[in-house]
Amino acid sequence: MQPCNLPAPLQPGDRLRVIAPSGALREFANFDRGVERWKSRGYQLEFSSGFDSQWGYFAGNDAERRNQVLEALADSECRGILCARGGWGAARLFEEGAWSPEDSKWLVGFSDITTLLVSWAKKGISGVHGPLLTTLSLEPEWSQNRLFDWVEGRSIQPLQGKGWIGGQNCGVLLPLNLAVATNLLGTPLQPDFSGTILAIEDVGEAPYRIDRMLTQWRLAGILQQVKGVALGRFSRCEPNPQIPSFSLEEVLYDRLADLGIPIVADLPFGHDGVNAALPVGVVAELDGDRGTLSIIRPST
């Protein structure tokens, strides 16, 4: 995978579009606090028509949600797109064909937004795997500032985790939700994983399902292409105590440790806790000896 281009740094006064391309909004109090946090930085937020709609578990039907994205992309005054929440549904928006920005716009989100972030990266545009509007206010101040620092053109500090397999490698950072990314394999949305630092997280998946997903990645030859694996938080992934099982850590180690590449675990990103912003498609260094993930901001 080739490094992506960063959109121009955001500045106070810029217009940002709010979209809900996946699940229906359920946490309006946290959503409102997230909106106010962006506004407090001086940004103008434009709410896409239907962002608060509901169709089953979706934020509107496929055509309505697709239209939210397309309107944001077509808005020449829009400098960035903020996703309300994750859930499920973004992949359905591509059944009628792929699309992408005609000019570089920031995209911020994670979880199901993985699909949109990948679509941006395939067109050479970097987005941010980071807090949604429903989760931003729950982040500690340093994590909120990390997001704003990156999109406003400043460098960000390395993340500290726990080194599992030593060594250092540089590669193009590809942060993903594991389950969402697994469902993109073998589709036109599958990214190029060669030479990447793969950063993965997930929520609500039993250890045997994590095993099944990573085994699929191995059988597809994908994990053999990456230069390092950065493991974020795998929340609510504990085994059922009534059923014999490996622990989550045992599964991750078993499926990854023999790849011969640096592996760092316990990094602060993912669901149900600190979700430090990770830019998509930029060069990063993974240091398995120090247990760090460092982002290398491109020179302008």
Protein backbone atom coordinates (compact mmCIF):
# COMPACT_ATOMS: atom_id res chain seq x y z
CA MET A 1 0.00 0.00 0.00
CA GLN A 2 1.26 3.44 -0.91
CA PRO A 3 1.12 6.31 1.61
CA CYS A 4 -1.99 8.46 1.37
CA ASN A 5 -2.21 12.22 0.97
CA LEU A 6 -3.29 14.27 3.96
CA PRO A 7 -6.09 16.78 3.42
CA ALA A 8 -5.11 20.38 4.15
CA PRO A 9 -5.06 21.17 7.88
CA LEU A 10 -8.36 22.30 9.35
CA GLN A 11 -8.70 25.82 10.71
CA PRO A 12 -11.31 27.39 13.00
CA GLY A 13 -14.20 28.61 10.88
CA ASP A 14 -14.04 25.64 8.50
CA ARG A 15 -17.30 23.90 7.68
CA LEU A 16 -17.66 20.23 8.60
CA ARG A 17 -20.53 17.94 7.65
CA VAL A 18 -22.13 15.54 10.14
CA ILE A 19 -23.31 12.22 8.71
CA ALA A 20 -24.71 8.95 10.07
CA PRO A 21 -23.80 6.35 7.40
CA SER A 22 -24.36 3.31 9.61
CA GLY A 23 -26.45 2.73 12.72
CA ALA A 24 -29.26 4.91 14.04
CA LEU A 25 -28.36 7.44 16.72
CA ARG A 26 -29.16 6.23 20.23
CA GLU A 27 -26.97 8.40 22.46
CA PHE A 28 -28.14 11.93 21.84
CA ALA A 29 -26.66 13.40 25.02
CA ASN A 30 -23.15 12.19 24.17
CA PHE A 31 -23.71 13.13 20.53
CA ASP A 32 -24.62 16.70 21.51
CA ARG A 33 -21.55 16.94 23.72
CA GLY A 34 -19.38 15.75 20.84
CA VAL A 35 -20.89 18.37 18.54
CA GLU A 36 -20.24 21.09 21.10
CA ARG A 37 -16.64 19.99 21.49
CA TRP A 38 -15.99 20.55 17.77
CA LYS A 39 -17.88 23.84 17.88
CA SER A 40 -15.78 24.97 20.84
CA ARG A 41 -12.76 24.72 18.54
CA GLY A 42 -14.40 27.25 16.23
CA TYR A 43 -15.76 24.88 13.56
CA GLN A 44 -19.08 25.26 11.78
CA LEU A 45 -21.03 22.00 11.74
CA GLU A 46 -23.61 21.31 9.03
CA PHE A 47 -25.98 18.41 9.72
CA SER A 48 -26.76 16.28 6.70
CA SER A 49 -30.46 15.77 6.04
CA GLY A 50 -31.68 12.59 7.71
CA PHE A 51 -28.68 12.11 10.01
CA ASP A 52 -31.10 11.44 12.88
CA SER A 53 -33.46 9.17 10.91
CA GLN A 54 -34.15 5.54 11.76
CA TRP A 55 -34.92 2.56 9.55
CA GLY A 56 -34.66 -0.57 11.62
CA TYR A 57 -31.19 -0.45 13.10
CA PHE A 58 -29.94 1.93 10.40
CA ALA A 59 -29.88 5.74 10.32
CA GLY A 60 -32.25 5.74 7.35
CA ASN A 61 -32.48 3.40 4.39
CA ASP A 62 -29.49 2.72 2.15
CA ALA A 63 -30.38 5.42 -0.38
CA GLU A 64 -30.84 8.02 2.36
CA ARG A 65 -27.57 7.18 4.08
CA ARG A 66 -25.70 7.02 0.78
CA ASN A 67 -27.12 10.44 -0.09
CA GLN A 68 -25.75 11.85 3.18
CA VAL A 69 -22.24 10.84 2.13
CA LEU A 70 -22.63 12.00 -1.46
CA GLU A 71 -23.98 15.40 -0.39
CA ALA A 72 -21.04 15.86 1.95
CA LEU A 73 -18.60 14.91 -0.81
CA ALA A 74 -20.25 17.29 -3.26
CA ASP A 75 -20.23 20.23 -0.84
CA SER A 76 -17.34 22.36 -2.06
CA GLU A 77 -17.34 24.34 1.20
CA CYS A 78 -17.06 21.22 3.34
CA ARG A 79 -13.53 20.58 4.64
CA GLY A 80 -14.25 17.47 6.67
CA ILE A 81 -16.83 14.81 7.48
CA LEU A 82 -17.62 13.77 11.04
CA CYS A 83 -19.42 10.47 11.60
CA ALA A 84 -22.12 10.38 14.27
CA ARG A 85 -21.71 6.74 15.29
CA GLY A 86 -20.79 3.28 14.04
CA GLY A 87 -23.01 0.22 14.24
CA TRP A 88 -23.50 -1.49 10.90
CA GLY A 89 -24.45 -0.48 7.39
CA ALA A 90 -21.65 1.45 5.67
CA ALA A 91 -20.70 -1.46 3.41
CA ARG A 92 -24.26 -1.60 2.02
CA LEU A 93 -23.74 1.88 0.57
CA PHE A 94 -21.24 0.50 -1.95
CA GLU A 95 -23.49 -2.09 -3.58
CA GLU A 96 -24.28 0.35 -6.39
CA GLY A 97 -20.59 1.06 -6.95
CA ALA A 98 -17.68 2.86 -5.33
CA TRP A 99 -17.30 6.59 -4.91
CA SER A 100 -14.82 8.90 -3.27
CA PRO A 101 -14.10 12.59 -2.72
CA GLU A 102 -13.17 14.58 -5.79
CA ASP A 103 -11.09 16.74 -3.47
CA SER A 104 -9.45 15.79 -0.20
CA LYS A 105 -11.75 16.00 2.81
CA TRP A 106 -11.05 14.79 6.30
CA LEU A 107 -13.08 11.81 7.48
CA VAL A 108 -13.22 10.98 11.19
CA GLY A 109 -14.71 7.84 12.75
CA PHE A 110 -14.08 4.20 13.63
CA SER A 111 -15.85 0.87 14.12
CA ASP A 112 -18.21 0.43 11.14
CA ILE A 113 -16.68 3.61 9.65
CA THR A 114 -13.71 1.34 8.84
CA THR A 115 -15.42 0.74 5.48
CA LEU A 116 -15.43 4.44 4.59
CA LEU A 117 -11.88 4.94 5.85
CA VAL A 118 -10.74 2.09 3.60
CA SER A 119 -12.58 3.58 0.63
CA TRP A 120 -10.78 6.90 1.24
CA ALA A 121 -7.42 5.13 1.51
CA LYS A 122 -7.96 3.21 -1.74
CA LYS A 123 -8.26 6.59 -3.45
CA GLY A 124 -5.09 7.83 -1.77
CA ILE A 125 -6.76 10.06 0.83
CA SER A 126 -5.97 9.77 4.53
CA GLY A 127 -8.76 9.73 7.10
CA VAL A 128 -8.64 9.39 10.88
CA HIS A 129 -9.55 6.26 12.81
CA GLY A 130 -10.72 8.13 15.87
CA PRO A 131 -13.58 9.20 18.13
CA LEU A 132 -17.10 9.47 16.77
CA LEU A 133 -19.37 12.33 17.75
CA THR A 134 -21.08 9.97 20.21
CA THR A 135 -17.77 9.05 21.88
CA LEU A 136 -15.61 12.19 21.67
CA SER A 137 -16.80 13.70 24.96
CA LEU A 138 -15.93 10.44 26.76
CA GLU A 139 -12.27 10.71 25.75
CA PRO A 140 -9.69 12.10 28.18
CA GLU A 141 -8.40 15.54 27.32
CA TRP A 142 -5.12 14.25 25.90
CA SER A 143 -6.98 12.00 23.46
CA GLN A 144 -9.30 14.80 22.34
CA ASN A 145 -6.31 17.08 21.85
CA ARG A 146 -4.51 14.36 19.89
CA LEU A 147 -7.35 14.29 17.36
CA PHE A 148 -7.43 18.06 17.00
CA ASP A 149 -3.64 18.28 16.80
CA TRP A 150 -3.55 15.87 13.88
CA VAL A 151 -6.32 17.38 11.77
CA GLU A 152 -5.04 20.90 12.47
CA GLY A 153 -1.58 20.07 11.15
CA ARG A 154 0.46 19.24 14.25
CA SER A 155 2.44 16.11 15.10
CA ILE A 156 1.22 13.59 17.65
CA GLN A 157 3.06 11.58 20.29
CA PRO A 158 3.78 7.84 20.05
CA LEU A 159 1.34 5.49 21.72
CA GLN A 160 2.67 3.19 24.42
CA GLY A 161 1.65 -0.43 24.62
CA LYS A 162 3.24 -3.76 25.54
CA GLY A 163 5.76 -5.35 23.22
CA TRP A 164 4.98 -8.98 22.43
CA ILE A 165 7.38 -9.66 19.59
CA GLY A 166 10.49 -7.51 19.29
CA GLY A 167 12.02 -5.65 16.38
CA GLN A 168 11.22 -2.42 14.55
CA ASN A 169 9.48 -1.94 11.22
CA CYS A 170 8.10 1.03 9.31
CA GLY A 171 5.07 0.72 7.08
CA VAL A 172 1.86 2.40 6.04
CA LEU A 173 -0.53 2.43 9.00
CA LEU A 174 -3.88 0.75 8.41
CA PRO A 175 -6.12 0.96 11.51
CA LEU A 176 -9.26 -1.19 11.28
CA ASN A 177 -12.05 -2.85 13.17
CA LEU A 178 -11.22 -6.53 12.74
CA ALA A 179 -14.76 -7.83 12.15
CA VAL A 180 -15.65 -5.08 9.67
CA ALA A 181 -12.37 -5.46 7.78
CA THR A 182 -12.77 -9.25 7.66
CA ASN A 183 -16.10 -8.79 5.91
CA LEU A 184 -14.39 -6.67 3.25
CA LEU A 185 -11.93 -9.40 2.27
CA GLY A 186 -12.54 -10.68 -1.23
CA THR A 187 -14.68 -7.66 -2.14
CA PRO A 188 -13.78 -4.61 -4.28
CA LEU A 189 -13.31 -2.71 -1.00
CA GLN A 190 -10.41 -4.88 0.18
CA PRO A 191 -7.35 -2.65 0.54
CA ASP A 192 -3.78 -3.49 -0.37
CA PHE A 193 -2.23 -4.86 2.82
CA SER A 194 1.32 -5.24 1.52
CA GLY A 195 3.87 -3.35 3.57
CA THR A 196 1.39 -2.13 6.14
CA ILE A 197 1.42 -1.77 9.88
CA LEU A 198 -1.93 -3.38 10.68
CA ALA A 199 -3.68 -1.84 13.71
CA ILE A 200 -6.76 -3.79 14.80
CA GLU A 201 -9.40 -3.64 17.54
CA ASP A 202 -12.81 -5.17 18.16
CA VAL A 203 -15.73 -5.46 20.54
CA GLY A 204 -18.12 -8.21 21.56
CA GLU A 205 -16.36 -11.08 19.78
CA ALA A 206 -15.71 -14.35 21.62
CA PRO A 207 -12.13 -15.72 21.40
CA TYR A 208 -13.16 -18.48 18.98
CA ARG A 209 -14.59 -15.87 16.59
CA ILE A 210 -11.38 -13.82 16.77
CA ASP A 211 -9.53 -17.09 16.03
CA ARG A 212 -11.82 -17.74 13.06
CA MET A 213 -11.29 -14.26 11.63
CA LEU A 214 -7.51 -14.28 11.99
CA THR A 215 -7.34 -17.77 10.52
CA GLN A 216 -9.21 -16.44 7.48
CA TRP A 217 -6.62 -13.66 7.16
CA ARG A 218 -3.83 -16.25 7.37
CA LEU A 219 -5.40 -18.57 4.81
CA ALA A 220 -5.89 -15.60 2.47
CA GLY A 221 -2.17 -14.84 2.78
CA ILE A 222 -2.81 -11.34 4.12
CA LEU A 223 -1.08 -11.48 7.48
CA GLN A 224 2.03 -12.69 5.70
CA GLN A 225 2.10 -9.36 3.79
CA VAL A 226 2.10 -6.96 6.74
CA LYS A 227 5.19 -5.53 8.46
CA GLY A 228 3.81 -5.28 11.97
CA VAL A 229 0.64 -5.73 14.02
CA ALA A 230 -0.55 -3.14 16.56
CA LEU A 231 -3.26 -4.48 18.85
CA GLY A 232 -5.73 -2.10 20.40
CA ARG A 233 -8.54 -2.90 22.80
CA PHE A 234 -10.61 -6.05 22.36
CA SER A 235 -13.44 -5.21 24.74
CA ARG A 236 -16.19 -7.56 25.85
CA CYS A 237 -14.30 -10.43 24.20
CA GLU A 238 -14.00 -12.66 27.24
CA PRO A 239 -14.86 -16.34 26.86
CA ASN A 240 -18.02 -17.80 28.37
CA PRO A 241 -16.85 -19.23 31.71
CA GLN A 242 -19.19 -22.20 31.23
CA ILE A 243 -17.52 -23.27 27.97
CA PRO A 244 -13.91 -24.51 27.54
CA SER A 245 -11.91 -21.83 25.79
CA PHE A 246 -8.58 -20.18 25.25
CA SER A 247 -8.27 -16.64 26.56
CA LEU A 248 -8.35 -13.80 24.07
CA GLU A 249 -4.66 -13.11 24.64
CA GLU A 250 -3.81 -16.76 23.98
CA VAL A 251 -5.73 -16.66 20.69
CA LEU A 252 -4.08 -13.43 19.52
CA TYR A 253 -0.62 -14.70 20.40
CA ASP A 254 -1.21 -18.09 18.75
CA ARG A 255 -2.45 -16.55 15.49
CA LEU A 256 0.13 -13.74 15.25
CA ALA A 257 3.36 -14.54 17.08
CA ASP A 258 4.82 -16.80 14.37
CA LEU A 259 4.68 -14.16 11.63
CA GLY A 260 8.22 -12.93 12.32
CA ILE A 261 7.21 -9.27 12.61
CA PRO A 262 6.97 -6.80 15.52
CA ILE A 263 3.78 -7.08 17.55
CA VAL A 264 2.66 -4.56 20.16
CA ALA A 265 -0.43 -5.13 22.30
CA ASP A 266 -2.48 -3.09 24.79
CA LEU A 267 -2.39 0.11 22.74
CA PRO A 268 -5.00 2.71 23.76
CA PHE A 269 -7.45 2.60 20.87
CA GLY A 270 -10.75 0.86 20.25
CA HIS A 271 -14.16 0.53 21.90
CA ASP A 272 -15.10 0.99 25.56
CA GLY A 273 -12.14 3.11 26.61
CA VAL A 274 -9.59 5.57 25.33
CA ASN A 275 -9.66 5.65 21.55
CA ALA A 276 -6.55 7.56 20.54
CA ALA A 277 -6.72 8.96 17.01
CA LEU A 278 -4.75 7.00 14.40
CA PRO A 279 -4.29 8.46 10.91
CA VAL A 280 -4.97 6.08 8.04
CA GLY A 281 -2.40 5.55 5.30
CA VAL A 282 0.55 7.44 6.77
CA VAL A 283 3.96 6.00 7.56
CA ALA A 284 4.33 4.67 11.10
CA GLU A 285 7.00 2.81 13.05
CA LEU A 286 6.10 -0.13 15.25
CA ASP A 287 8.73 -0.92 17.88
CA GLY A 288 8.20 -4.28 19.51
CA ASP A 289 11.13 -3.76 21.89
CA ARG A 290 9.85 -0.51 23.34
CA GLY A 291 6.18 -1.32 22.82
CA THR A 292 5.48 1.87 20.87
CA LEU A 293 3.57 2.95 17.78
CA SER A 294 4.92 6.20 16.32
CA ILE A 295 3.28 8.27 13.59
CA ILE A 296 5.53 9.99 11.09
CA ARG A 297 3.80 13.13 9.84
CA PRO A 298 4.59 13.81 6.16
CA SER A 299 6.57 17.00 5.53
CA THR A 300 4.63 19.69 3.70
